[in-house]
Amino acid sequence: EIPEMTARVARAAFPQGSLAIRIRDALGEVFADEQFSDLFAARGHPSTSPARLVMVLLLQFAEGLTDRQAAEAVRGRVDWKFLLGLPLEDPGFDASVLSEFRTRLTGQGQADRLLTVMLEHLREHRLLERGGRQRTDATHVHGAIRMLNRLELAMETMRAALETLAVATPVWLVEHAPTAWWDRYARRADDFRLPQSDTARRALAATVGADGYRLLDAVHHPATPAWLRELPTLRVLRQLWVQQYYRDAGGHRWRDKVDLPPGAVAIGSPYDTDARYGIKRGMGWRGYKGHFTEVCEPDRPHMIVHVATTAATVSDVETVTARHNDLAAADLLPDQELVDAAYVSVDHILDADADHGIDLVGPLPPDFSWQTRTPDAFDLARFTVDFDQRHVTCPTGAVSRNWRESISADGLPTVQVTFRQPDCTPCPQRARCTRSTVNARSLTFRPRQQFEAQQRLRAEQATDAWREQYALRAGIEGTMAQASRRCDVHHARYKGLAKTHLQHVLTAMALNLVRIDAWLTGTPLGGSWTSRLSTLRLSLTPP
């Protein structure tokens, strides 16, 4: 319970209340130590309460504080002591406690468990309910690493391995490191003045490659202690050398661009091997994606109910199934989910409805054929598909000659049909149907269930009623803006996928506290930003 003196001083110091005071008054204790018995420190000084540390992390993210500032706030701010139930004379804890606690939280499922406990508490206070409407969006997240080109990456990986060996086994390193290494890898790779010509760069890359292979050969020598091979930076060095160099009996060479691994597996930094290079709408970044799902009902606060963190190369649509399964496990499935085009495919729309009863609403990718973009051309919608008789009739009445079920390059089932050449060659409408001067028209489309759903959904999306319904999704952009302003969600605070996901979960939970406080105080939702010039123009426009 809150000590009497703490409560009296906090009420006097904040007669109008503060976020911390209002949250404690409205929700009581959100977390209890009994829920996190495995998060107590197992050794060292007496352990700090995990329930209190979670609340400190949430306040830290809500106010954008560093670990040191958060620890000082626990020690000196009476409203934080009120929320945490601490006496005024409590000395707090060292800032390093927060870092150690986050390390324990990065265990399997621990971060998501925090969000689950909070959401259960909110349901008990009738701030959250099952069903209704939810909306989801993703944002880019820059990794906490520097952007390096290939040569800088190889040099920095070599330097990172030597830095580790200099601490782990300095005597062994002195015995095996040539004199040239002490100067070549003494500085960070991006501080090194690289050669300008391509020939000189390739020569330097070959030298760095030879250095790396020499170090790896020495580490894997039978006389070398086996534990050296398991050092993380040595494992990264082995992986990166496989990705960047080709070695055979004749020696080694710097790989050409066509021989490089795909972006989904290519390492971009020796310090964060989970970060990947992604491109979206012409913008490239190395790091991750954060996916946030929030409730968007008008009669309750817009709580964030699901968070997912993926590598930057993972497409948004790949997260749909896992998100719905997680929401089902938490009994927080919506009736309708509003998403952008990156989350939508006809298969996911059908699966969401069949498996969970969710109406997944988003713009279905259009048909990109040239016939669709050309007026009066014969696109797929102009053909009559008879799945029972297994044939297709063209707009001029010709019937297809074959029907073959196949699998697309994406692994999706498709149907391929081809028309007869005697029907297509003399056809007066041929120019509207195909650009080939020799071959007959062929069509590829999805099986019956997906095909009929595509036609129905594309027709619905052309209506004003659908556009009005989908307009509600736009509010998720405000959530991303709020997460960026308050918690700097576009930049990873920590290295690695697990810690970055913990950052996103804490961001979502902190925003939930902020939104509950706004709900309690009657603060209206922020509107869309409008420039002063646009505001002036609207004032001058007659009604």
Protein backbone atom coordinates (compact mmCIF):
# COMPACT_ATOMS: atom_id res chain seq x y z
CA GLU A 1 0.00 0.00 0.00
CA ILE A 2 1.00 3.64 -0.40
CA PRO A 3 2.64 4.96 2.79
CA GLU A 4 0.54 7.65 4.45
CA MET A 5 3.29 10.29 4.34
CA THR A 6 3.97 9.62 0.66
CA ALA A 7 0.28 9.96 -0.17
CA ARG A 8 -0.11 13.19 1.81
CA VAL A 9 2.96 14.86 0.27
CA ALA A 10 2.04 13.73 -3.25
CA ARG A 11 -1.50 15.12 -2.94
CA ALA A 12 -0.12 18.42 -1.65
CA ALA A 13 2.57 18.66 -4.33
CA PHE A 14 0.20 17.71 -7.17
CA PRO A 15 -3.27 19.04 -6.30
CA GLN A 16 -4.38 18.49 -9.90
CA GLY A 17 -2.71 15.09 -10.02
CA SER A 18 -0.14 13.78 -12.50
CA LEU A 19 0.05 10.82 -14.84
CA ALA A 20 1.64 8.60 -12.20
CA ILE A 21 -0.86 9.60 -9.49
CA ARG A 22 -3.92 9.25 -11.71
CA ILE A 23 -2.80 5.84 -12.98
CA ARG A 24 -2.33 4.55 -9.43
CA ASP A 25 -5.70 5.95 -8.35
CA ALA A 26 -7.53 4.44 -11.34
CA LEU A 27 -5.78 1.09 -11.75
CA GLY A 28 -4.19 0.36 -8.40
CA GLU A 29 -1.24 -2.01 -8.64
CA VAL A 30 -1.05 -3.17 -12.25
CA PHE A 31 1.64 -5.79 -11.58
CA ALA A 32 2.37 -8.02 -8.60
CA ASP A 33 5.63 -9.71 -7.66
CA GLU A 34 3.88 -13.07 -7.52
CA GLN A 35 3.33 -12.85 -11.29
CA PHE A 36 7.06 -12.51 -11.94
CA SER A 37 8.76 -14.72 -9.39
CA ASP A 38 11.21 -15.93 -12.06
CA LEU A 39 12.36 -12.35 -12.73
CA PHE A 40 13.96 -11.81 -9.34
CA ALA A 41 17.76 -11.58 -9.47
CA ALA A 42 19.29 -14.94 -8.52
CA ARG A 43 22.56 -13.60 -7.14
CA GLY A 44 24.24 -10.40 -5.94
CA HIS A 45 22.66 -7.66 -3.86
CA PRO A 46 19.06 -7.95 -2.56
CA SER A 47 16.72 -8.02 -5.52
CA THR A 48 14.45 -5.09 -6.35
CA SER A 49 10.74 -5.82 -6.82
CA PRO A 50 10.09 -6.88 -10.47
CA ALA A 51 6.58 -5.37 -10.34
CA ARG A 52 8.06 -1.99 -9.41
CA LEU A 53 10.83 -2.26 -12.00
CA VAL A 54 8.27 -2.87 -14.75
CA MET A 55 6.38 0.28 -13.76
CA VAL A 56 9.65 2.23 -13.67
CA LEU A 57 10.42 1.07 -17.22
CA LEU A 58 6.96 2.15 -18.38
CA LEU A 59 7.30 5.61 -16.82
CA GLN A 60 10.78 5.83 -18.29
CA PHE A 61 9.46 5.19 -21.79
CA ALA A 62 6.43 7.43 -21.29
CA GLU A 63 8.70 10.37 -20.40
CA GLY A 64 11.62 9.49 -22.68
CA LEU A 65 14.20 9.16 -19.89
CA THR A 66 17.56 7.43 -19.77
CA ASP A 67 18.28 4.73 -17.19
CA ARG A 68 20.12 7.20 -14.98
CA GLN A 69 17.32 9.77 -15.18
CA ALA A 70 14.72 7.10 -14.39
CA ALA A 71 16.68 5.91 -11.35
CA GLU A 72 16.98 9.52 -10.14
CA ALA A 73 13.21 10.00 -10.62
CA VAL A 74 12.54 6.98 -8.40
CA ARG A 75 14.82 8.50 -5.79
CA GLY A 76 13.58 12.08 -5.95
CA ARG A 77 10.07 12.39 -7.46
CA VAL A 78 7.20 12.05 -5.05
CA ASP A 79 4.62 11.19 -7.72
CA TRP A 80 6.75 8.22 -8.85
CA LYS A 81 7.04 7.10 -5.21
CA PHE A 82 3.25 7.37 -4.96
CA LEU A 83 2.75 5.11 -7.97
CA LEU A 84 5.36 2.62 -6.75
CA GLY A 85 4.13 2.63 -3.16
CA LEU A 86 7.51 3.71 -1.76
CA PRO A 87 8.18 5.67 1.45
CA LEU A 88 9.67 9.12 1.00
CA GLU A 89 12.98 8.05 2.51
CA ASP A 90 13.43 5.14 0.08
CA PRO A 91 16.88 5.54 -1.55
CA GLY A 92 15.89 3.87 -4.83
CA PHE A 93 18.42 1.79 -6.74
CA ASP A 94 21.40 2.13 -9.03
CA ALA A 95 20.71 2.76 -12.73
CA SER A 96 22.44 -0.50 -13.67
CA VAL A 97 19.53 -2.41 -12.08
CA LEU A 98 17.31 -1.43 -15.04
CA SER A 99 19.80 -2.78 -17.56
CA GLU A 100 20.13 -6.06 -15.66
CA PHE A 101 16.35 -6.36 -15.40
CA ARG A 102 15.88 -5.80 -19.14
CA THR A 103 18.36 -8.60 -19.78
CA ARG A 104 16.19 -10.95 -17.72
CA LEU A 105 13.12 -9.74 -19.61
CA THR A 106 14.58 -10.73 -22.99
CA GLY A 107 14.01 -14.38 -22.15
CA GLN A 108 11.56 -16.33 -24.28
CA GLY A 109 8.11 -14.79 -24.10
CA GLN A 110 8.85 -12.57 -21.11
CA ALA A 111 8.23 -9.27 -22.91
CA ASP A 112 4.91 -10.44 -24.33
CA ARG A 113 3.91 -11.70 -20.88
CA LEU A 114 4.21 -8.14 -19.53
CA LEU A 115 1.75 -6.87 -22.14
CA THR A 116 -0.60 -9.80 -21.48
CA VAL A 117 -0.68 -9.07 -17.74
CA MET A 118 -1.40 -5.38 -18.39
CA LEU A 119 -4.22 -6.15 -20.83
CA GLU A 120 -5.83 -8.57 -18.35
CA HIS A 121 -5.72 -5.84 -15.71
CA LEU A 122 -7.32 -3.36 -18.12
CA ARG A 123 -10.10 -5.84 -18.88
CA GLU A 124 -10.81 -6.16 -15.17
CA HIS A 125 -11.26 -2.37 -15.05
CA ARG A 126 -13.53 -2.43 -18.15
CA LEU A 127 -11.11 -0.39 -20.24
CA LEU A 128 -10.73 -3.18 -22.78
CA GLU A 129 -13.13 -5.71 -24.26
CA ARG A 130 -13.12 -8.50 -26.79
CA GLY A 131 -14.44 -7.85 -30.30
CA GLY A 132 -15.02 -4.49 -31.92
CA ARG A 133 -12.63 -2.86 -34.33
CA GLN A 134 -8.83 -2.91 -34.38
CA ARG A 135 -6.24 -1.48 -36.77
CA THR A 136 -2.65 -2.48 -37.49
CA ASP A 137 0.35 -0.84 -39.10
CA ALA A 138 4.12 -1.24 -39.23
CA THR A 139 6.97 1.23 -39.05
CA HIS A 140 10.67 1.09 -39.84
CA VAL A 141 13.19 0.80 -37.02
CA HIS A 142 16.83 1.70 -37.54
CA GLY A 143 19.19 -0.67 -35.74
CA ALA A 144 21.57 0.67 -33.09
CA ILE A 145 24.47 0.21 -35.49
CA ARG A 146 26.36 2.18 -38.11
CA MET A 147 25.73 1.71 -41.82
CA LEU A 148 28.82 0.10 -43.36
CA ASN A 149 29.71 -0.77 -46.93
CA ARG A 150 31.03 -4.26 -47.69
CA LEU A 151 34.71 -3.44 -47.21
CA GLU A 152 34.06 -1.54 -43.99
CA LEU A 153 31.93 -4.44 -42.78
CA ALA A 154 34.73 -6.95 -43.35
CA MET A 155 37.30 -4.73 -41.64
CA GLU A 156 35.03 -3.99 -38.68
CA THR A 157 34.19 -7.68 -38.22
CA MET A 158 37.89 -8.52 -38.16
CA ARG A 159 38.50 -5.70 -35.69
CA ALA A 160 35.62 -6.87 -33.46
CA ALA A 161 37.11 -10.38 -33.34
CA LEU A 162 40.54 -9.03 -32.40
CA GLU A 163 39.01 -6.77 -29.74
CA THR A 164 37.33 -9.77 -28.15
CA LEU A 165 40.51 -11.88 -28.26
CA ALA A 166 42.51 -9.02 -26.76
CA VAL A 167 40.35 -9.34 -23.64
CA ALA A 168 39.66 -13.09 -23.64
CA THR A 169 43.17 -14.38 -24.38
CA PRO A 170 45.74 -11.59 -24.83
CA VAL A 171 48.77 -13.90 -24.63
CA TRP A 172 47.46 -16.15 -27.41
CA LEU A 173 46.67 -13.11 -29.59
CA VAL A 174 50.16 -11.62 -29.21
CA GLU A 175 51.63 -14.94 -30.35
CA HIS A 176 49.47 -15.19 -33.47
CA ALA A 177 48.84 -11.59 -34.60
CA PRO A 178 51.24 -10.19 -37.26
CA THR A 179 52.66 -6.73 -36.69
CA ALA A 180 50.57 -5.24 -39.52
CA TRP A 181 47.34 -6.07 -37.70
CA TRP A 182 48.07 -3.66 -34.85
CA ASP A 183 47.83 -0.69 -37.22
CA ARG A 184 45.30 -2.04 -39.73
CA TYR A 185 42.63 -2.81 -37.14
CA ALA A 186 43.42 -0.26 -34.44
CA ARG A 187 40.60 2.08 -35.50
CA ARG A 188 36.96 1.68 -36.46
CA ALA A 189 36.45 0.76 -40.08
CA ASP A 190 34.45 3.88 -40.91
CA ASP A 191 37.30 6.03 -39.54
CA PHE A 192 39.65 4.42 -42.04
CA ARG A 193 40.39 6.31 -45.28
CA LEU A 194 39.53 3.73 -47.90
CA PRO A 195 41.20 3.69 -51.34
CA GLN A 196 39.37 5.49 -54.12
CA SER A 197 39.95 3.12 -57.04
CA ASP A 198 38.13 -0.16 -57.41
CA THR A 199 41.41 -2.01 -57.97
CA ALA A 200 42.89 -0.73 -54.74
CA ARG A 201 39.69 -1.54 -52.83
CA ARG A 202 39.72 -5.10 -54.12
CA ALA A 203 43.36 -5.44 -53.12
CA LEU A 204 42.52 -4.24 -49.59
CA ALA A 205 39.54 -6.60 -49.47
CA ALA A 206 41.83 -9.49 -50.43
CA THR A 207 44.28 -8.50 -47.68
CA VAL A 208 41.51 -8.34 -45.08
CA GLY A 209 40.22 -11.70 -46.31
CA ALA A 210 43.66 -13.26 -45.93
CA ASP A 211 43.88 -11.82 -42.40
CA GLY A 212 40.52 -13.31 -41.50
CA TYR A 213 41.37 -16.75 -42.85
CA ARG A 214 44.70 -16.67 -41.03
CA LEU A 215 42.94 -15.89 -37.76
CA LEU A 216 40.28 -18.57 -38.31
CA ASP A 217 42.92 -21.17 -39.18
CA ALA A 218 44.81 -20.32 -36.00
CA VAL A 219 41.64 -20.50 -33.88
CA HIS A 220 40.73 -23.91 -35.35
CA HIS A 221 44.21 -25.36 -34.91
CA PRO A 222 44.16 -28.49 -32.70
CA ALA A 223 46.52 -26.83 -30.20
CA THR A 224 44.18 -23.88 -29.68
CA PRO A 225 41.69 -24.08 -26.77
CA ALA A 226 38.30 -25.16 -28.15
CA TRP A 227 36.37 -22.47 -26.27
CA LEU A 228 37.90 -19.75 -28.45
CA ARG A 229 35.95 -21.04 -31.44
CA GLU A 230 32.67 -20.47 -29.62
CA LEU A 231 33.21 -16.78 -28.94
CA PRO A 232 30.30 -14.87 -30.58
CA THR A 233 32.54 -12.53 -32.58
CA LEU A 234 34.50 -15.52 -33.94
CA ARG A 235 31.26 -17.17 -35.05
CA VAL A 236 30.24 -13.95 -36.78
CA LEU A 237 33.65 -13.77 -38.45
CA ARG A 238 33.20 -17.29 -39.87
CA GLN A 239 29.70 -16.51 -41.13
CA LEU A 240 30.65 -13.20 -42.69
CA TRP A 241 33.69 -14.63 -44.44
CA VAL A 242 31.46 -17.29 -46.02
CA GLN A 243 29.10 -14.53 -47.21
CA GLN A 244 31.75 -12.10 -48.50
CA TYR A 245 34.58 -14.38 -49.72
CA TYR A 246 34.92 -17.50 -51.83
CA ARG A 247 37.69 -19.91 -50.86
CA ASP A 248 38.95 -23.00 -52.68
CA ALA A 249 42.21 -24.86 -53.22
CA GLY A 250 43.53 -21.99 -55.33
CA GLY A 251 43.05 -19.35 -52.64
CA HIS A 252 40.29 -16.87 -51.88
CA ARG A 253 38.55 -14.03 -53.70
CA TRP A 254 36.16 -11.18 -52.92
CA ARG A 255 32.69 -12.22 -54.03
CA ASP A 256 30.97 -10.35 -56.84
CA LYS A 257 27.59 -8.77 -56.17
CA VAL A 258 25.75 -11.56 -57.96
CA ASP A 259 27.30 -14.10 -55.56
CA LEU A 260 26.21 -12.34 -52.37
CA PRO A 261 23.57 -13.91 -50.11
CA PRO A 262 19.99 -12.56 -50.14
CA GLY A 263 19.15 -9.71 -47.81
CA ALA A 264 17.14 -11.98 -45.50
CA VAL A 265 20.35 -13.70 -44.31
CA ALA A 266 23.10 -11.17 -45.10
CA ILE A 267 24.85 -9.89 -41.96
CA GLY A 268 25.21 -6.11 -41.90
CA SER A 269 27.08 -5.56 -38.63
CA PRO A 270 29.19 -7.73 -36.33
CA TYR A 271 27.48 -6.10 -33.36
CA ASP A 272 23.87 -6.87 -34.34
CA THR A 273 23.55 -9.93 -36.52
CA ASP A 274 19.73 -9.80 -36.45
CA ALA A 275 19.48 -6.45 -38.25
CA ARG A 276 18.66 -6.69 -41.96
CA TYR A 277 18.48 -4.21 -44.81
CA GLY A 278 14.94 -3.43 -45.90
CA ILE A 279 13.38 -1.12 -48.50
CA LYS A 280 9.86 0.27 -48.37
CA ARG A 281 8.43 3.00 -50.58
CA GLY A 282 11.91 3.84 -51.83
CA MET A 283 13.42 4.25 -48.35
CA GLY A 284 16.15 1.86 -47.23
CA TRP A 285 17.26 1.15 -43.67
CA ARG A 286 19.11 -1.54 -41.75
CA GLY A 287 17.27 -2.85 -38.75
CA TYR A 288 13.77 -4.05 -38.01
CA LYS A 289 10.03 -3.45 -38.37
CA GLY A 290 7.68 -2.79 -35.50
CA HIS A 291 4.02 -3.87 -35.91
CA PHE A 292 1.42 -2.36 -33.58
CA THR A 293 -2.27 -3.27 -33.27
CA GLU A 294 -4.67 -1.02 -31.37
CA VAL A 295 -8.36 -0.92 -30.51
CA CYS A 296 -10.19 1.88 -32.31
CA GLU A 297 -13.64 1.92 -30.72
CA PRO A 298 -15.07 5.39 -29.94
CA ASP A 299 -16.43 4.41 -26.52
CA ARG A 300 -13.15 3.32 -24.89
CA PRO A 301 -9.46 4.28 -24.96
CA HIS A 302 -7.41 3.13 -27.93
CA MET A 303 -5.30 0.48 -26.21
CA ILE A 304 -2.44 -1.22 -28.05
CA VAL A 305 -3.19 -4.94 -27.74
CA HIS A 306 -0.49 -6.59 -29.84
CA VAL A 307 3.13 -5.90 -30.74
CA ALA A 308 5.38 -7.79 -33.14
CA THR A 309 8.98 -7.11 -34.15
CA THR A 310 10.49 -8.61 -37.29
CA ALA A 311 13.59 -8.20 -39.40
CA ALA A 312 13.31 -5.45 -42.00
CA THR A 313 13.15 -8.02 -44.81
CA VAL A 314 10.02 -9.78 -43.51
CA SER A 315 6.92 -8.75 -45.46
CA ASP A 316 4.00 -7.39 -43.46
CA VAL A 317 1.57 -10.02 -44.71
CA GLU A 318 3.67 -12.77 -43.11
CA THR A 319 2.74 -11.46 -39.64
CA VAL A 320 -1.04 -11.76 -40.05
CA THR A 321 -1.53 -15.39 -39.02
CA ALA A 322 0.73 -15.21 -35.95
CA ARG A 323 -0.98 -12.00 -34.80
CA HIS A 324 -4.44 -13.53 -35.00
CA ASN A 325 -3.26 -16.62 -33.12
CA ASP A 326 -1.78 -14.43 -30.37
CA LEU A 327 -4.97 -12.38 -30.08
CA ALA A 328 -7.03 -15.57 -29.94
CA ALA A 329 -4.84 -16.91 -27.10
CA ALA A 330 -5.37 -13.64 -25.20
CA ASP A 331 -9.14 -13.67 -25.97
CA LEU A 332 -8.85 -10.25 -27.64
CA LEU A 333 -9.84 -11.09 -31.19
CA PRO A 334 -11.57 -8.22 -33.03
CA ASP A 335 -14.63 -8.47 -35.18
CA GLN A 336 -12.90 -6.33 -37.78
CA GLU A 337 -9.26 -5.45 -38.42
CA LEU A 338 -8.28 -2.50 -40.63
CA VAL A 339 -4.89 -2.81 -42.35
CA ASP A 340 -3.05 -1.37 -45.31
CA ALA A 341 -2.33 -3.17 -48.57
CA ALA A 342 0.93 -4.70 -47.30
CA TYR A 343 -1.04 -6.94 -44.89
CA VAL A 344 -3.65 -8.09 -47.40
CA SER A 345 -3.93 -11.14 -49.62
CA VAL A 346 -7.08 -13.00 -50.57
CA ASP A 347 -5.83 -16.11 -48.74
CA HIS A 348 -5.30 -14.21 -45.48
CA ILE A 349 -8.74 -12.60 -45.76
CA LEU A 350 -10.37 -16.00 -46.17
CA ASP A 351 -8.27 -17.62 -43.43
CA ALA A 352 -8.96 -14.81 -40.96
CA ASP A 353 -12.69 -15.23 -41.47
CA ALA A 354 -12.65 -19.04 -41.42
CA ASP A 355 -10.27 -19.51 -38.47
CA HIS A 356 -11.17 -16.60 -36.20
CA GLY A 357 -14.26 -14.88 -37.60
CA ILE A 358 -12.26 -11.69 -38.33
CA ASP A 359 -13.24 -9.37 -41.14
CA LEU A 360 -9.81 -8.37 -42.44
CA VAL A 361 -10.33 -5.09 -44.28
CA GLY A 362 -7.69 -3.64 -46.56
CA PRO A 363 -7.15 -2.78 -50.23
CA LEU A 364 -6.64 -6.03 -52.12
CA PRO A 365 -3.69 -5.83 -54.53
CA PRO A 366 -5.04 -5.03 -58.01
CA ASP A 367 -4.53 -6.95 -61.23
CA PHE A 368 -1.31 -5.50 -62.69
CA SER A 369 -1.76 -6.79 -66.25
CA TRP A 370 -1.53 -4.30 -69.11
CA GLN A 371 -5.11 -5.11 -70.07
CA THR A 372 -6.32 -3.76 -66.72
CA ARG A 373 -4.51 -0.45 -67.28
CA THR A 374 -5.69 -0.07 -70.89
CA PRO A 375 -9.22 1.21 -71.62
CA ASP A 376 -11.40 -1.24 -73.56
CA ALA A 377 -8.79 -4.03 -73.27
CA PHE A 378 -9.89 -7.54 -72.30
CA ASP A 379 -8.72 -8.09 -68.73
CA LEU A 380 -9.58 -11.13 -66.62
CA ALA A 381 -12.85 -9.60 -65.44
CA ARG A 382 -14.15 -9.65 -69.05
CA PHE A 383 -13.82 -13.45 -69.28
CA THR A 384 -16.39 -15.92 -67.99
CA VAL A 385 -14.84 -18.61 -65.83
CA ASP A 386 -16.81 -21.87 -65.45
CA PHE A 387 -15.22 -23.86 -62.63
CA ASP A 388 -17.75 -26.67 -62.94
CA GLN A 389 -17.07 -27.30 -66.64
CA ARG A 390 -13.38 -26.31 -66.24
CA HIS A 391 -13.21 -23.87 -69.13
CA VAL A 392 -13.15 -20.12 -69.77
CA THR A 393 -15.14 -18.16 -72.37
CA CYS A 394 -13.62 -15.02 -73.86
CA PRO A 395 -15.61 -11.82 -74.62
CA THR A 396 -16.03 -12.89 -78.27
CA GLY A 397 -17.40 -16.32 -77.34
CA ALA A 398 -14.32 -18.52 -77.88
CA VAL A 399 -13.81 -21.33 -75.35
CA SER A 400 -10.42 -22.27 -73.87
CA ARG A 401 -8.82 -25.53 -74.96
CA ASN A 402 -7.17 -26.66 -71.71
CA TRP A 403 -7.37 -26.22 -67.96
CA ARG A 404 -4.30 -26.96 -65.82
CA GLU A 405 -3.90 -26.60 -62.06
CA SER A 406 -0.45 -25.44 -61.03
CA ILE A 407 1.62 -23.79 -58.30
CA SER A 408 2.90 -20.23 -58.64
CA ALA A 409 6.44 -19.07 -57.88
CA ASP A 410 5.13 -17.94 -54.48
CA GLY A 411 3.85 -21.43 -53.71
CA LEU A 412 0.18 -20.56 -54.24
CA PRO A 413 -2.26 -22.80 -56.12
CA THR A 414 -3.29 -21.38 -59.50
CA VAL A 415 -5.22 -22.35 -62.62
CA GLN A 416 -3.74 -21.85 -66.09
CA VAL A 417 -5.83 -21.88 -69.26
CA THR A 418 -4.93 -21.36 -72.92
CA PHE A 419 -7.16 -20.59 -75.88
CA ARG A 420 -6.99 -22.20 -79.32
CA GLN A 421 -4.74 -20.55 -81.86
CA PRO A 422 -7.29 -20.90 -84.70
CA ASP A 423 -9.70 -18.87 -82.57
CA CYS A 424 -7.21 -16.16 -81.53
CA THR A 425 -5.19 -15.62 -84.74
CA PRO A 426 -8.03 -14.33 -86.99
CA CYS A 427 -9.92 -12.65 -84.14
CA PRO A 428 -10.65 -8.95 -84.97
CA GLN A 429 -10.35 -8.08 -81.27
CA ARG A 430 -6.87 -9.62 -80.89
CA ALA A 431 -5.14 -6.27 -80.23
CA ARG A 432 -7.42 -5.70 -77.25
CA CYS A 433 -6.62 -9.15 -75.85
CA THR A 434 -2.90 -9.94 -76.31
CA ARG A 435 0.27 -8.27 -77.54
CA SER A 436 1.74 -11.50 -78.86
CA THR A 437 1.76 -11.78 -82.64
CA VAL A 438 2.05 -15.57 -82.58
CA ASN A 439 0.69 -17.14 -79.42
CA ALA A 440 -2.92 -17.45 -78.35
CA ARG A 441 -4.25 -15.75 -75.19
CA SER A 442 -3.52 -17.49 -71.91
CA LEU A 443 -4.84 -16.74 -68.43
CA THR A 444 -3.63 -17.50 -64.91
CA PHE A 445 -5.97 -17.10 -61.94
CA ARG A 446 -6.60 -18.49 -58.48
CA PRO A 447 -8.85 -21.47 -57.62
CA ARG A 448 -12.57 -20.98 -57.28
CA GLN A 449 -12.82 -19.81 -53.67
CA GLN A 450 -10.00 -17.27 -54.01
CA PHE A 451 -11.09 -16.14 -57.49
CA GLU A 452 -14.66 -15.43 -56.46
CA ALA A 453 -13.47 -13.66 -53.30
CA GLN A 454 -11.13 -11.47 -55.39
CA GLN A 455 -13.92 -10.41 -57.70
CA ARG A 456 -16.29 -9.69 -54.82
CA LEU A 457 -13.72 -7.73 -52.78
CA ARG A 458 -12.52 -5.64 -55.70
CA ALA A 459 -16.10 -4.72 -56.48
CA GLU A 460 -16.72 -3.74 -52.83
CA GLN A 461 -13.56 -1.62 -52.70
CA ALA A 462 -14.84 0.52 -55.55
CA THR A 463 -17.83 1.70 -53.47
CA ASP A 464 -18.05 4.82 -51.29
CA ALA A 465 -19.31 2.75 -48.35
CA TRP A 466 -16.11 0.69 -48.30
CA ARG A 467 -13.93 3.79 -48.55
CA GLU A 468 -15.78 5.41 -45.66
CA GLN A 469 -15.30 2.30 -43.54
CA TYR A 470 -11.61 1.99 -44.45
CA ALA A 471 -10.96 5.65 -43.63
CA LEU A 472 -10.98 4.69 -39.93
CA ARG A 473 -7.61 2.98 -40.44
CA ALA A 474 -5.91 6.36 -40.83
CA GLY A 475 -5.84 6.84 -37.06
CA ILE A 476 -3.04 4.28 -36.69
CA GLU A 477 -0.70 6.82 -38.29
CA GLY A 478 -1.25 9.00 -35.23
CA THR A 479 -0.19 6.10 -33.03
CA MET A 480 3.07 5.80 -34.95
CA ALA A 481 3.63 9.54 -34.61
CA GLN A 482 2.98 9.38 -30.86
CA ALA A 483 5.33 6.41 -30.49
CA SER A 484 7.99 8.33 -32.40
CA ARG A 485 7.64 11.54 -30.40
CA ARG A 486 7.47 9.98 -26.95
CA CYS A 487 9.56 6.83 -27.31
CA ASP A 488 11.63 7.30 -30.50
CA VAL A 489 10.28 4.05 -31.89
CA HIS A 490 12.10 4.57 -35.21
CA HIS A 491 15.48 3.95 -33.56
CA ALA A 492 16.41 0.80 -31.67
CA ARG A 493 17.73 1.52 -28.19
CA TYR A 494 19.36 -1.87 -27.92
CA LYS A 495 21.03 -4.44 -30.17
CA GLY A 496 19.38 -7.67 -31.26
CA LEU A 497 15.85 -8.68 -32.21
CA ALA A 498 14.86 -9.80 -28.69
CA LYS A 499 15.85 -6.54 -27.01
CA THR A 500 14.33 -4.45 -29.79
CA HIS A 501 11.05 -6.35 -29.35
CA LEU A 502 11.21 -5.62 -25.62
CA GLN A 503 11.62 -1.93 -26.49
CA HIS A 504 8.51 -2.08 -28.67
CA VAL A 505 6.47 -3.85 -25.99
CA LEU A 506 7.49 -1.28 -23.37
CA THR A 507 6.66 1.48 -25.86
CA ALA A 508 3.16 0.04 -26.37
CA MET A 509 2.58 -0.34 -22.63
CA ALA A 510 3.81 3.19 -21.93
CA LEU A 511 1.47 4.58 -24.60
CA ASN A 512 -1.37 2.64 -23.01
CA LEU A 513 -0.71 4.42 -19.70
CA VAL A 514 -0.61 7.78 -21.46
CA ARG A 515 -3.89 7.06 -23.24
CA ILE A 516 -5.60 5.88 -20.08
CA ASP A 517 -4.54 9.13 -18.41
CA ALA A 518 -5.91 11.12 -21.36
CA TRP A 519 -9.16 9.13 -21.14
CA LEU A 520 -9.49 9.81 -17.41
CA THR A 521 -8.90 13.55 -17.84
CA GLY A 522 -11.14 13.87 -20.88
CA THR A 523 -8.31 14.97 -23.18
CA PRO A 524 -9.60 14.74 -26.78
CA LEU A 525 -7.71 12.83 -29.44
CA GLY A 526 -5.31 14.91 -31.48
CA GLY A 527 -6.46 15.82 -34.94
CA SER A 528 -4.50 15.70 -38.17
CA TRP A 529 -1.75 18.26 -38.51
CA THR A 530 -2.63 21.20 -40.73
CA SER A 531 -0.17 23.85 -41.88
CA ARG A 532 -0.83 27.50 -41.10
CA LEU A 533 -1.08 28.22 -44.82
CA SER A 534 -3.81 25.62 -45.24
CA THR A 535 -5.64 26.95 -42.18
CA LEU A 536 -5.57 30.47 -43.62
CA ARG A 537 -6.80 29.22 -46.97
CA LEU A 538 -9.74 27.41 -45.33
CA SER A 539 -10.69 30.56 -43.43
CA LEU A 540 -10.79 32.54 -46.69
CA THR A 541 -12.82 29.93 -48.58
CA PRO A 542 -16.54 30.83 -48.57
CA PRO A 543 -18.87 28.15 -47.16
